[in-house]
């Protein structure tokens, strides 16, 4: 299960100003400078008092503890405390906050739900990174009343956040005028790529620049099959050929909003003026893609085990026999993966940004937070202070990472993600506050951040940006339909391994289970949302 969620995280990211002038608590309350306070404390204690000890007590009293919780793809870092100390050298002086890093393994945080359970039990969770799914997802936590309203806190302590995060992104974390989380700020504009191992492409004399659509991919797969019959012509992520990710219809190069439905049950096409909610699986666009997948499978191009492989995270890293794959992500991440796996690639299409994309990584103050002002002060630094953010994301320069030249950083010689003492994982770092303040990791272009910002400026947003489908009244129906689509029929359809008549059987099962009721409810909600906006 842990590996499956790592795969989903990888797919999600492949699917990767000036600090606000906040003084310490003592300064805000008009306390005397530290040296004077220290002297007065010693005088009050008597002539035999230790001024140094008294000063330390006064200094500690001016600090507020905040626990910051998130997960890592590589287990709890062994040198977490070292990084925490370096962060506190900044935060204790700048904002009067002592930070405690509560970093968990992805399986503990996400799959086992330790963060959500801790919040519900009132444990020490002050600032949390919500998750791409399950109980820790932003929408689930908000709907269950687990997140504090942030409007007033942002107004008073979040100047750096407000100056950084575009207003339209906040619409994804706002309900009835109340902001419940701060969206991570990173390149949300994604693209679809077709990639081939370099040695395979060269042996087959493939001209990837000539590949513009799935017909071009099919010709490449035929050449790969002829030259390398022992290889999987194409593979993908966990039980997915990677041309069925939510948000794009690759056959017609159309963008759609999935309304965040689990199992991708619904679709509203960006270019449909009526904004009608349709059954995604019954659209011509999905059927065409499924036909390509099945034909490729029958021709022997597709990895035969893909539909049952729930643990594959990266087809080139996880298997030497996979010759090509689709990637869903952004230019920076694909270039980093290219440096790791030596492949060539071509971009097939760009995709748009929908509400569910923004909700994938958000930072919230849960109801267990007992120091909301301090938590917001630190969160503000995550969006405005490059030094703090790079410590949080990469650790200490010279120990956990080193400069490689031209502003590029990487692991020290002989170190990697499991041996350098502090590693979070590139698939997660996109969700760290203002990721455009992070230094550029090797494999990407030196101006990767500038490229990513430019991509965001050109991005196309869903006309339903800010809309979230509320399934409260149809919870059982929604769960049943999602399970049919995601677990029962999805893997075979998305890998082409379904038998003749499999698609028709799938659609009938959805309809019999009440699909139309979901569509009617979704259309009613969308039209009500449009009328209110």
Protein backbone atom coordinates (compact mmCIF):
# COMPACT_ATOMS: atom_id res chain seq x y z
CA UNK A 1 0.00 0.00 0.00
CA UNK A 2 2.85 2.38 0.82
CA UNK A 3 4.42 1.78 -2.60
CA UNK A 4 1.08 2.44 -4.29
CA UNK A 5 0.84 5.84 -2.62
CA UNK A 6 4.40 6.69 -3.54
CA UNK A 7 3.43 5.86 -7.12
CA UNK A 8 0.43 8.17 -6.92
CA UNK A 9 2.58 10.95 -5.53
CA UNK A 10 5.07 10.53 -8.33
CA UNK A 11 2.27 10.58 -10.87
CA UNK A 12 0.77 13.62 -9.24
CA UNK A 13 3.97 15.60 -9.67
CA UNK A 14 4.95 14.02 -12.95
CA UNK A 15 1.15 13.87 -13.48
CA UNK A 16 6.67 18.60 -9.72
CA UNK A 17 9.89 38.19 -2.34
CA UNK A 18 10.83 39.58 0.76
CA UNK A 19 9.98 38.18 4.15
CA UNK A 20 7.18 39.93 6.01
CA UNK A 21 8.44 42.16 8.83
CA UNK A 22 7.19 40.10 11.75
CA UNK A 23 8.91 40.83 15.02
CA UNK A 24 9.28 38.53 18.00
CA UNK A 25 6.55 38.22 20.58
CA UNK A 26 8.54 40.38 22.95
CA UNK A 27 8.85 43.13 20.36
CA UNK A 28 5.14 43.00 19.52
CA UNK A 29 4.22 43.45 23.18
CA UNK A 30 6.67 46.29 23.66
CA UNK A 31 9.09 44.39 25.93
CA UNK A 32 12.52 45.81 26.68
CA UNK A 33 15.50 44.75 24.54
CA UNK A 34 16.94 41.42 25.58
CA UNK A 35 20.04 42.76 27.32
CA UNK A 36 18.00 45.09 29.53
CA UNK A 37 15.46 42.42 30.33
CA UNK A 38 18.29 40.10 31.27
CA UNK A 39 19.80 42.63 33.64
CA UNK A 40 16.47 43.43 35.30
CA UNK A 41 15.75 39.74 35.79
CA UNK A 42 19.07 39.27 37.55
CA UNK A 43 18.48 42.30 39.79
CA UNK A 44 15.04 41.01 40.80
CA UNK A 45 16.48 37.64 41.66
CA UNK A 46 19.10 39.15 43.99
CA UNK A 47 22.76 39.97 43.75
CA UNK A 48 23.76 36.27 43.69
CA UNK A 49 21.60 35.47 40.66
CA UNK A 50 23.24 34.25 37.46
CA UNK A 51 22.48 36.87 34.79
CA UNK A 52 23.12 34.41 31.99
CA UNK A 53 20.61 31.91 33.34
CA UNK A 54 18.04 34.60 33.98
CA UNK A 55 18.43 35.90 30.44
CA UNK A 56 17.92 32.44 28.96
CA UNK A 57 14.71 32.02 30.94
CA UNK A 58 13.43 35.37 29.71
CA UNK A 59 14.39 34.54 26.11
CA UNK A 60 12.64 31.17 26.25
CA UNK A 61 9.51 32.82 27.62
CA UNK A 62 9.36 35.02 24.53
CA UNK A 63 9.37 32.05 22.15
CA UNK A 64 6.35 30.10 20.93
CA UNK A 65 6.60 26.43 19.93
CA UNK A 66 5.08 25.30 16.64
CA UNK A 67 5.03 21.74 15.31
CA UNK A 68 5.19 21.47 11.52
CA UNK A 69 4.05 18.12 10.11
CA UNK A 70 4.64 16.60 6.67
CA UNK A 71 5.87 13.37 5.16
CA UNK A 72 8.86 12.18 3.17
CA UNK A 73 9.26 9.55 0.48
CA UNK A 74 12.46 8.20 2.04
CA UNK A 75 11.58 7.66 5.68
CA UNK A 76 12.19 9.96 8.63
CA UNK A 77 15.50 11.84 8.02
CA UNK A 78 18.22 10.83 10.46
CA UNK A 79 19.52 14.39 10.71
CA UNK A 80 16.16 16.10 11.10
CA UNK A 81 17.20 17.67 14.42
CA UNK A 82 20.23 19.29 12.81
CA UNK A 83 18.05 20.95 10.18
CA UNK A 84 15.49 21.95 12.79
CA UNK A 85 18.22 23.71 14.78
CA UNK A 86 19.39 25.63 11.72
CA UNK A 87 15.83 26.75 10.97
CA UNK A 88 15.34 27.92 14.54
CA UNK A 89 18.45 30.10 14.39
CA UNK A 90 16.41 32.16 11.94
CA UNK A 91 12.85 31.84 13.20
CA UNK A 92 13.54 32.47 16.88
CA UNK A 93 15.13 35.81 16.07
CA UNK A 94 12.87 36.82 13.19
CA UNK A 95 9.41 35.79 14.39
CA UNK A 96 9.86 34.49 17.94
CA UNK A 97 8.94 30.94 16.96
CA UNK A 98 10.67 27.66 17.80
CA UNK A 99 9.90 25.10 15.09
CA UNK A 100 9.61 21.38 15.73
CA UNK A 101 9.70 19.25 12.58
CA UNK A 102 7.33 16.30 12.77
CA UNK A 103 8.38 14.38 9.65
CA UNK A 104 6.75 11.02 9.04
CA UNK A 105 7.14 8.22 6.56
CA UNK A 106 4.59 8.54 3.74
CA UNK A 107 2.86 5.33 4.80
CA UNK A 108 2.45 6.53 8.37
CA UNK A 109 1.26 10.02 7.47
CA UNK A 110 -0.96 9.16 4.51
CA UNK A 111 -1.98 5.54 4.44
CA UNK A 112 -2.23 4.93 8.18
CA UNK A 113 -3.76 8.37 8.66
CA UNK A 114 -1.56 9.32 11.60
CA UNK A 115 -1.80 13.02 10.86
CA UNK A 116 -5.59 13.04 10.67
CA UNK A 117 -5.95 10.80 13.71
CA UNK A 118 -3.56 13.01 15.64
CA UNK A 119 -5.55 16.12 14.75
CA UNK A 120 -8.79 14.43 15.81
CA UNK A 121 -7.22 13.42 19.12
CA UNK A 122 -5.93 16.93 19.80
CA UNK A 123 -2.27 15.94 19.54
CA UNK A 124 0.56 18.36 18.78
CA UNK A 125 -0.23 19.27 15.16
CA UNK A 126 -0.03 23.03 14.53
CA UNK A 127 0.72 23.26 10.81
CA UNK A 128 0.10 20.36 8.41
CA UNK A 129 0.58 19.50 4.76
CA UNK A 130 -2.66 18.01 3.47
CA UNK A 131 -2.45 14.95 1.24
CA UNK A 132 -3.33 14.10 -2.39
CA UNK A 133 -6.03 11.69 -1.21
CA UNK A 134 -7.63 9.69 1.56
CA UNK A 135 -8.70 11.22 4.88
CA UNK A 136 -5.88 13.76 4.87
CA UNK A 137 -6.98 15.43 1.64
CA UNK A 138 -7.83 19.11 1.96
CA UNK A 139 -11.50 18.68 0.98
CA UNK A 140 -12.02 15.81 3.40
CA UNK A 141 -10.41 17.69 6.28
CA UNK A 142 -12.37 20.85 5.52
CA UNK A 143 -15.68 18.99 5.18
CA UNK A 144 -15.05 17.25 8.50
CA UNK A 145 -14.40 20.54 10.29
CA UNK A 146 -10.71 19.82 10.91
CA UNK A 147 -9.22 23.05 9.53
CA UNK A 148 -9.24 26.51 11.10
CA UNK A 149 -10.43 29.59 9.16
CA UNK A 150 -7.42 31.60 7.99
CA UNK A 151 -8.82 34.94 6.77
CA UNK A 152 -7.91 37.03 9.82
CA UNK A 153 -4.58 35.27 10.35
CA UNK A 154 -3.57 35.85 6.73
CA UNK A 155 -4.54 39.49 6.98
CA UNK A 156 -2.42 40.06 10.09
CA UNK A 157 0.53 37.69 9.66
CA UNK A 158 0.49 36.49 6.04
CA UNK A 159 1.69 39.44 3.98
CA UNK A 160 4.32 37.34 2.21
CA UNK A 161 1.74 34.69 1.33
CA UNK A 162 -0.74 37.21 -0.02
CA UNK A 163 1.93 38.89 -2.13
CA UNK A 164 3.02 35.54 -3.56
CA UNK A 165 0.05 33.24 -4.14
CA UNK A 166 -2.26 34.32 -6.99
CA UNK A 167 -5.77 35.13 -5.83
CA UNK A 168 -7.42 32.61 -8.17
CA UNK A 169 -5.57 29.74 -6.48
CA UNK A 170 -7.16 30.67 -3.16
CA UNK A 171 -10.56 30.04 -4.73
CA UNK A 172 -9.76 26.32 -4.54
CA UNK A 173 -9.37 26.45 -0.75
CA UNK A 174 -12.19 28.88 -0.01
CA UNK A 175 -15.79 28.03 0.85
CA UNK A 176 -18.49 30.61 1.45
CA UNK A 177 -15.84 33.30 1.75
CA UNK A 178 -13.74 31.45 4.32
CA UNK A 179 -10.17 30.39 3.48
CA UNK A 180 -9.29 27.02 5.02
CA UNK A 181 -5.76 26.42 3.66
CA UNK A 182 -2.94 28.07 1.73
CA UNK A 183 -2.26 26.42 -1.65
CA UNK A 184 1.29 25.36 -2.38
CA UNK A 185 2.71 27.63 -5.06
CA UNK A 186 4.47 25.68 -7.79
CA UNK A 187 4.13 24.95 -11.49
CA UNK A 188 0.61 23.54 -11.65
CA UNK A 189 0.60 23.64 -15.43
CA UNK A 190 1.26 20.08 -16.59
CA UNK A 191 1.99 18.49 -19.95
CA UNK A 192 1.84 15.03 -21.52
CA UNK A 193 5.13 13.61 -22.82
CA UNK A 194 6.10 10.50 -24.75
CA UNK A 195 9.56 9.27 -23.73
CA UNK A 196 11.81 6.52 -25.15
CA UNK A 197 15.04 5.10 -23.73
CA UNK A 198 17.83 6.76 -25.68
CA UNK A 199 19.54 3.54 -26.77
CA UNK A 200 16.20 2.21 -28.06
CA UNK A 201 15.36 5.41 -29.92
CA UNK A 202 18.78 5.49 -31.56
CA UNK A 203 18.67 1.83 -32.57
CA UNK A 204 15.25 2.35 -34.16
CA UNK A 205 16.21 5.69 -35.75
CA UNK A 206 13.18 7.31 -34.16
CA UNK A 207 12.54 10.96 -34.88
CA UNK A 208 10.56 11.93 -31.80
CA UNK A 209 10.05 15.49 -33.02
CA UNK A 210 7.85 14.07 -35.78
CA UNK A 211 5.53 12.43 -33.24
CA UNK A 212 2.55 14.72 -32.74
CA UNK A 213 -0.21 12.37 -31.55
CA UNK A 214 -1.05 8.76 -30.67
CA UNK A 215 -0.79 7.68 -34.32
CA UNK A 216 2.83 8.80 -34.26
CA UNK A 217 3.37 6.92 -30.99
CA UNK A 218 1.88 3.80 -32.56
CA UNK A 219 4.38 3.93 -35.42
CA UNK A 220 7.21 4.24 -32.91
CA UNK A 221 5.89 1.24 -30.96
CA UNK A 222 5.81 -0.85 -34.12
CA UNK A 223 9.47 -0.02 -34.79
CA UNK A 224 10.41 -0.82 -31.19
CA UNK A 225 8.59 -4.15 -31.34
CA UNK A 226 10.46 -5.14 -34.48
CA UNK A 227 13.88 -4.17 -33.15
CA UNK A 228 13.40 -5.25 -29.53
CA UNK A 229 10.78 -8.02 -29.37
CA UNK A 230 11.96 -8.99 -25.89
CA UNK A 231 11.16 -5.57 -24.40
CA UNK A 232 7.91 -4.01 -23.27
CA UNK A 233 7.31 -1.48 -26.02
CA UNK A 234 5.48 0.75 -23.58
CA UNK A 235 4.68 0.70 -19.87
CA UNK A 236 3.37 3.21 -17.35
CA UNK A 237 2.68 3.92 -13.71
CA UNK A 238 0.76 1.80 -11.27
CA UNK A 239 -1.95 0.04 -13.31
CA UNK A 240 -2.13 2.94 -15.76
CA UNK A 241 -0.70 3.57 -19.21
CA UNK A 242 -0.52 7.27 -18.25
CA UNK A 243 -2.77 8.59 -21.03
CA UNK A 244 -5.81 8.51 -18.76
CA UNK A 245 -4.83 11.01 -16.09
CA UNK A 246 -7.60 13.36 -15.00
CA UNK A 247 -7.80 16.61 -16.94
CA UNK A 248 -6.82 15.87 -20.52
CA UNK A 249 -8.28 14.01 -23.48
CA UNK A 250 -5.17 13.20 -25.47
CA UNK A 251 -6.90 11.89 -28.61
CA UNK A 252 -8.54 15.24 -29.33
CA UNK A 253 -6.19 17.36 -27.22
CA UNK A 254 -9.04 18.77 -25.14
CA UNK A 255 -8.90 19.82 -21.51
CA UNK A 256 -11.56 18.94 -18.99
CA UNK A 257 -12.34 19.43 -15.31
CA UNK A 258 -12.90 16.15 -13.50
CA UNK A 259 -14.57 17.95 -10.56
CA UNK A 260 -12.11 16.08 -8.36
CA UNK A 261 -14.16 12.88 -8.56
CA UNK A 262 -12.48 9.77 -7.23
CA UNK A 263 -12.10 7.40 -10.16
CA UNK A 264 -12.57 10.31 -12.63
CA UNK A 265 -16.30 9.78 -12.98
CA UNK A 266 -17.20 13.18 -14.41
CA UNK A 267 -15.91 15.65 -16.99
CA UNK A 268 -16.69 19.24 -17.89
CA UNK A 269 -14.77 20.26 -21.01
CA UNK A 270 -13.13 23.67 -20.86
CA UNK A 271 -14.36 24.54 -24.38
CA UNK A 272 -18.00 23.57 -23.72
CA UNK A 273 -19.93 26.80 -23.23
CA UNK A 274 -22.77 24.92 -21.52
CA UNK A 275 -20.39 23.51 -18.87
CA UNK A 276 -22.48 20.34 -18.83
CA UNK A 277 -21.22 17.59 -16.55
CA UNK A 278 -20.71 14.42 -18.59
CA UNK A 279 -19.80 10.86 -17.80
CA UNK A 280 -16.08 10.85 -18.65
CA UNK A 281 -16.03 7.16 -19.52
CA UNK A 282 -18.86 7.57 -22.01
CA UNK A 283 -17.23 10.40 -23.95
CA UNK A 284 -15.82 9.75 -27.41
CA UNK A 285 -12.48 11.05 -26.18
CA UNK A 286 -12.14 8.33 -23.54
CA UNK A 287 -13.38 5.59 -25.86
CA UNK A 288 -10.79 6.54 -28.49
CA UNK A 289 -7.95 6.43 -25.94
CA UNK A 290 -9.18 3.07 -24.64
CA UNK A 291 -9.25 1.73 -28.21
CA UNK A 292 -5.61 2.74 -28.69
CA UNK A 293 -4.63 1.05 -25.44
CA UNK A 294 -6.42 -2.19 -26.34
CA UNK A 295 -5.02 -2.29 -29.86
CA UNK A 296 -1.49 -1.75 -28.58
CA UNK A 297 -1.99 -4.48 -25.98
CA UNK A 298 -3.27 -6.94 -28.58
CA UNK A 299 -0.30 -6.13 -30.84
CA UNK A 300 2.09 -6.96 -28.02
CA UNK A 301 3.35 -3.43 -27.45
CA UNK A 302 2.13 -2.99 -23.85
CA UNK A 303 3.67 -4.39 -20.68
CA UNK A 304 1.49 -7.47 -20.08
CA UNK A 305 1.76 -7.17 -16.30
CA UNK A 306 0.94 -3.47 -16.05
CA UNK A 307 -2.74 -3.92 -15.12
CA UNK A 308 -1.81 -5.91 -12.00
CA UNK A 309 1.32 -3.94 -11.07
CA UNK A 310 0.18 -1.62 -8.27
CA UNK A 311 3.70 -0.72 -7.13
CA UNK A 312 5.46 0.61 -10.23
CA UNK A 313 6.38 4.24 -9.70
CA UNK A 314 8.58 5.00 -12.70
CA UNK A 315 8.67 2.54 -15.63
CA UNK A 316 12.29 3.34 -16.47
CA UNK A 317 13.54 3.08 -12.90
CA UNK A 318 11.51 0.02 -11.94
CA UNK A 319 12.26 -2.18 -14.96
CA UNK A 320 15.08 -2.48 -17.49
CA UNK A 321 12.76 -4.03 -20.08
CA UNK A 322 10.45 -1.01 -20.49
CA UNK A 323 11.37 0.80 -23.70
CA UNK A 324 8.99 3.77 -23.62
CA UNK A 325 6.34 5.49 -21.54
CA UNK A 326 4.05 8.46 -21.27
CA UNK A 327 4.83 11.02 -18.56
CA UNK A 328 2.37 13.49 -17.08
CA UNK A 329 4.14 16.38 -15.38
CA UNK A 330 6.10 19.54 -16.10
CA UNK A 331 9.26 20.36 -18.00
CA UNK A 332 11.47 20.65 -14.93
CA UNK A 333 10.60 17.24 -13.51
CA UNK A 334 10.84 15.51 -16.88
CA UNK A 335 14.31 16.95 -17.45
CA UNK A 336 15.38 15.78 -14.00
CA UNK A 337 14.11 12.28 -14.78
CA UNK A 338 15.81 12.40 -18.15
CA UNK A 339 19.14 13.04 -16.42
CA UNK A 340 18.52 10.00 -14.21
CA UNK A 341 17.30 7.56 -16.87
CA UNK A 342 18.82 8.78 -20.16
CA UNK A 343 15.76 8.97 -22.38
CA UNK A 344 14.58 11.24 -25.17
CA UNK A 345 11.10 12.70 -25.22
CA UNK A 346 8.56 14.85 -27.01
CA UNK A 347 5.72 16.93 -25.59
CA UNK A 348 2.33 15.91 -26.96
CA UNK A 349 0.08 18.50 -25.30
CA UNK A 350 -0.30 20.94 -22.43
CA UNK A 351 -3.11 20.59 -19.94
CA UNK A 352 -5.11 23.06 -17.89
CA UNK A 353 -5.34 23.73 -14.17
CA UNK A 354 -8.43 22.67 -12.25
CA UNK A 355 -9.51 22.97 -8.63
CA UNK A 356 -8.38 19.47 -7.72
CA UNK A 357 -4.85 20.28 -8.92
CA UNK A 358 -4.61 23.16 -6.47
CA UNK A 359 -6.11 21.09 -3.64
CA UNK A 360 -3.50 18.36 -4.03
CA UNK A 361 -0.94 20.15 -1.82
CA UNK A 362 -2.11 22.73 0.70
CA UNK A 363 -0.95 23.94 4.11
CA UNK A 364 -3.53 24.21 6.85
CA UNK A 365 -3.83 24.96 10.53
CA UNK A 366 -5.80 22.04 11.98
CA UNK A 367 -8.21 22.33 14.88
CA UNK A 368 -5.51 20.83 17.12
CA UNK A 369 -3.35 23.94 16.58
CA UNK A 370 -2.96 25.80 19.88
CA UNK A 371 -0.68 28.54 18.51
CA UNK A 372 -2.36 29.75 15.31
CA UNK A 373 -0.60 33.13 15.21
CA UNK A 374 2.85 31.56 15.49
CA UNK A 375 1.95 28.85 12.97
CA UNK A 376 0.87 31.47 10.44
CA UNK A 377 4.04 33.47 11.02
CA UNK A 378 6.15 30.44 10.13
CA UNK A 379 3.93 29.53 7.19
CA UNK A 380 4.44 33.06 5.90
CA UNK A 381 8.22 32.48 5.90
CA UNK A 382 7.70 29.35 3.80
CA UNK A 383 6.32 31.58 1.05
CA UNK A 384 8.67 34.55 1.43
CA UNK A 385 12.03 33.50 2.93
CA UNK A 386 14.27 31.51 0.59
CA UNK A 387 16.76 30.57 3.33
CA UNK A 388 14.07 29.01 5.52
CA UNK A 389 12.45 27.18 2.61
CA UNK A 390 15.69 25.71 1.31
CA UNK A 391 16.62 24.48 4.77
CA UNK A 392 13.21 22.86 5.07
CA UNK A 393 13.35 21.32 1.61
CA UNK A 394 17.01 20.38 1.16
CA UNK A 395 18.70 20.61 4.55
CA UNK A 396 22.05 22.23 5.26
CA UNK A 397 24.29 23.35 2.40
CA UNK A 398 27.65 21.60 2.41
CA UNK A 399 26.28 18.63 4.30
CA UNK A 400 23.00 17.58 2.73
CA UNK A 401 23.53 19.25 -0.64
CA UNK A 402 26.31 21.11 -2.49
CA UNK A 403 26.56 23.63 -5.27
CA UNK A 404 27.28 22.02 -8.65
CA UNK A 405 27.79 25.23 -10.60
CA UNK A 406 25.50 27.69 -12.42
CA UNK A 407 23.19 27.78 -9.42
CA UNK A 408 22.48 24.05 -9.62
CA UNK A 409 22.64 21.90 -6.48
CA UNK A 410 22.83 18.15 -5.84
CA UNK A 411 23.86 15.51 -3.35
CA UNK A 412 27.44 15.57 -2.02
CA UNK A 413 29.85 13.12 -3.63
CA UNK A 414 28.97 9.54 -2.72
CA UNK A 415 25.61 10.47 -1.20
CA UNK A 416 22.06 9.86 -2.37
CA UNK A 417 18.51 10.21 -1.10
CA UNK A 418 18.89 7.38 1.40
CA UNK A 419 22.38 8.14 2.72
CA UNK A 420 22.82 11.90 3.04
CA UNK A 421 20.89 12.33 6.29
CA UNK A 422 18.11 14.61 5.05
CA UNK A 423 16.05 13.99 1.91
CA UNK A 424 12.39 14.76 1.28
CA UNK A 425 11.95 13.74 -2.36
CA UNK A 426 11.49 15.88 -5.47
CA UNK A 427 7.94 14.60 -5.99
CA UNK A 428 6.95 16.21 -2.68
CA UNK A 429 9.02 19.40 -2.75
CA UNK A 430 6.54 20.99 -5.17
CA UNK A 431 4.21 21.21 -2.22
CA UNK A 432 6.63 23.14 -0.02
CA UNK A 433 5.27 26.66 0.27
CA UNK A 434 6.60 28.86 -2.54
CA UNK A 435 8.61 26.30 -4.50
CA UNK A 436 9.93 29.02 -6.80
CA UNK A 437 12.24 30.01 -3.93
CA UNK A 438 13.85 26.56 -3.88
CA UNK A 439 17.27 26.13 -5.43
CA UNK A 440 17.33 24.14 -8.66
CA UNK A 441 18.26 20.47 -8.37
CA UNK A 442 20.66 18.94 -10.86
CA UNK A 443 19.07 17.59 -14.02
CA UNK A 444 16.97 20.71 -14.54
CA UNK A 445 17.92 23.89 -16.38
CA UNK A 446 19.54 26.63 -14.31
CA UNK A 447 16.59 28.91 -15.10
CA UNK A 448 13.99 26.23 -14.29
CA UNK A 449 12.17 28.47 -11.82
CA UNK A 450 11.85 31.26 -14.35
CA UNK A 451 10.57 28.77 -16.94
CA UNK A 452 8.04 27.39 -14.47
CA UNK A 453 6.76 30.85 -13.55
CA UNK A 454 6.38 31.68 -17.23
CA UNK A 455 4.42 28.46 -17.72
CA UNK A 456 2.09 29.39 -14.87
CA UNK A 457 1.51 32.81 -16.41
CA UNK A 458 0.46 31.16 -19.69
CA UNK A 459 -1.60 28.39 -18.07
CA UNK A 460 -5.24 27.80 -18.93
CA UNK A 461 -7.56 27.56 -15.93
CA UNK A 462 -10.78 25.61 -15.69
CA UNK A 463 -13.91 27.75 -16.05
CA UNK A 464 -15.03 26.02 -12.84
CA UNK A 465 -11.94 27.06 -10.88
CA UNK A 466 -12.98 27.06 -7.23
CA UNK A 467 -15.82 24.57 -7.62
CA UNK A 468 -15.67 21.38 -5.55
CA UNK A 469 -18.30 18.68 -5.91
CA UNK A 470 -20.05 18.01 -2.60
CA UNK A 471 -20.87 14.31 -2.34
CA UNK A 472 -22.19 14.44 1.22
CA UNK A 473 -25.77 13.59 0.23
CA UNK A 474 -24.77 10.76 -2.12
CA UNK A 475 -21.82 9.35 -0.23
CA UNK A 476 -22.67 5.65 -0.57
CA UNK A 477 -23.52 5.99 -4.27
CA UNK A 478 -20.35 7.94 -4.93
CA UNK A 479 -18.16 5.39 -3.15
CA UNK A 480 -19.72 2.50 -5.06
CA UNK A 481 -19.26 4.18 -8.45
CA UNK A 482 -15.70 5.22 -7.63
CA UNK A 483 -14.78 1.67 -6.66
CA UNK A 484 -16.18 0.26 -9.90
CA UNK A 485 -14.28 2.79 -11.99
CA UNK A 486 -11.02 2.92 -10.05
CA UNK A 487 -10.53 -0.61 -8.78
CA UNK A 488 -12.76 -3.06 -10.61
CA UNK A 489 -12.55 -2.02 -14.25
CA UNK A 490 -10.08 0.86 -14.41
CA UNK A 491 -6.76 -1.02 -14.49
CA UNK A 492 -7.64 -3.26 -17.44
CA UNK A 493 -9.23 -0.41 -19.40
CA UNK A 494 -6.26 1.89 -18.80
CA UNK A 495 -3.74 -0.77 -19.81
CA UNK A 496 -5.64 -2.26 -22.76
CA UNK A 497 -5.92 -5.75 -21.29
CA UNK A 498 -9.71 -5.92 -21.14
CA UNK A 499 -11.42 -8.61 -23.22
CA UNK A 500 -13.91 -7.91 -26.00
CA UNK A 501 -17.07 -6.40 -24.54
CA UNK A 502 -15.26 -5.32 -21.36
CA UNK A 503 -15.93 -1.62 -21.94
CA UNK A 504 -19.64 -2.16 -22.56
CA UNK A 505 -19.87 -4.29 -19.41
CA UNK A 506 -18.16 -1.52 -17.44
CA UNK A 507 -20.54 1.19 -18.62
CA UNK A 508 -23.59 -0.96 -17.89
CA UNK A 509 -22.35 -1.61 -14.37
CA UNK A 510 -21.86 2.12 -13.76
CA UNK A 511 -25.34 2.87 -15.07
CA UNK A 512 -26.94 0.11 -13.03
CA UNK A 513 -25.17 1.41 -9.92
CA UNK A 514 -26.72 4.88 -10.32
CA UNK A 515 -24.34 6.90 -12.48
CA UNK A 516 -27.13 9.14 -13.77
CA UNK A 517 -28.02 10.17 -10.23
CA UNK A 518 -24.44 11.35 -9.72
CA UNK A 519 -24.48 13.26 -13.00
CA UNK A 520 -27.79 14.94 -12.14
CA UNK A 521 -26.48 15.99 -8.72
CA UNK A 522 -23.21 17.27 -10.21
CA UNK A 523 -25.03 19.27 -12.90
CA UNK A 524 -27.34 20.84 -10.31
CA UNK A 525 -24.36 21.87 -8.18
CA UNK A 526 -22.42 23.28 -11.13
CA UNK A 527 -25.36 25.35 -12.34
CA UNK A 528 -25.96 26.68 -8.81
CA UNK A 529 -22.28 27.58 -8.53
CA UNK A 530 -22.36 29.38 -11.90
CA UNK A 531 -25.43 31.35 -10.85
CA UNK A 532 -23.68 32.42 -7.64
CA UNK A 533 -20.56 33.56 -9.47
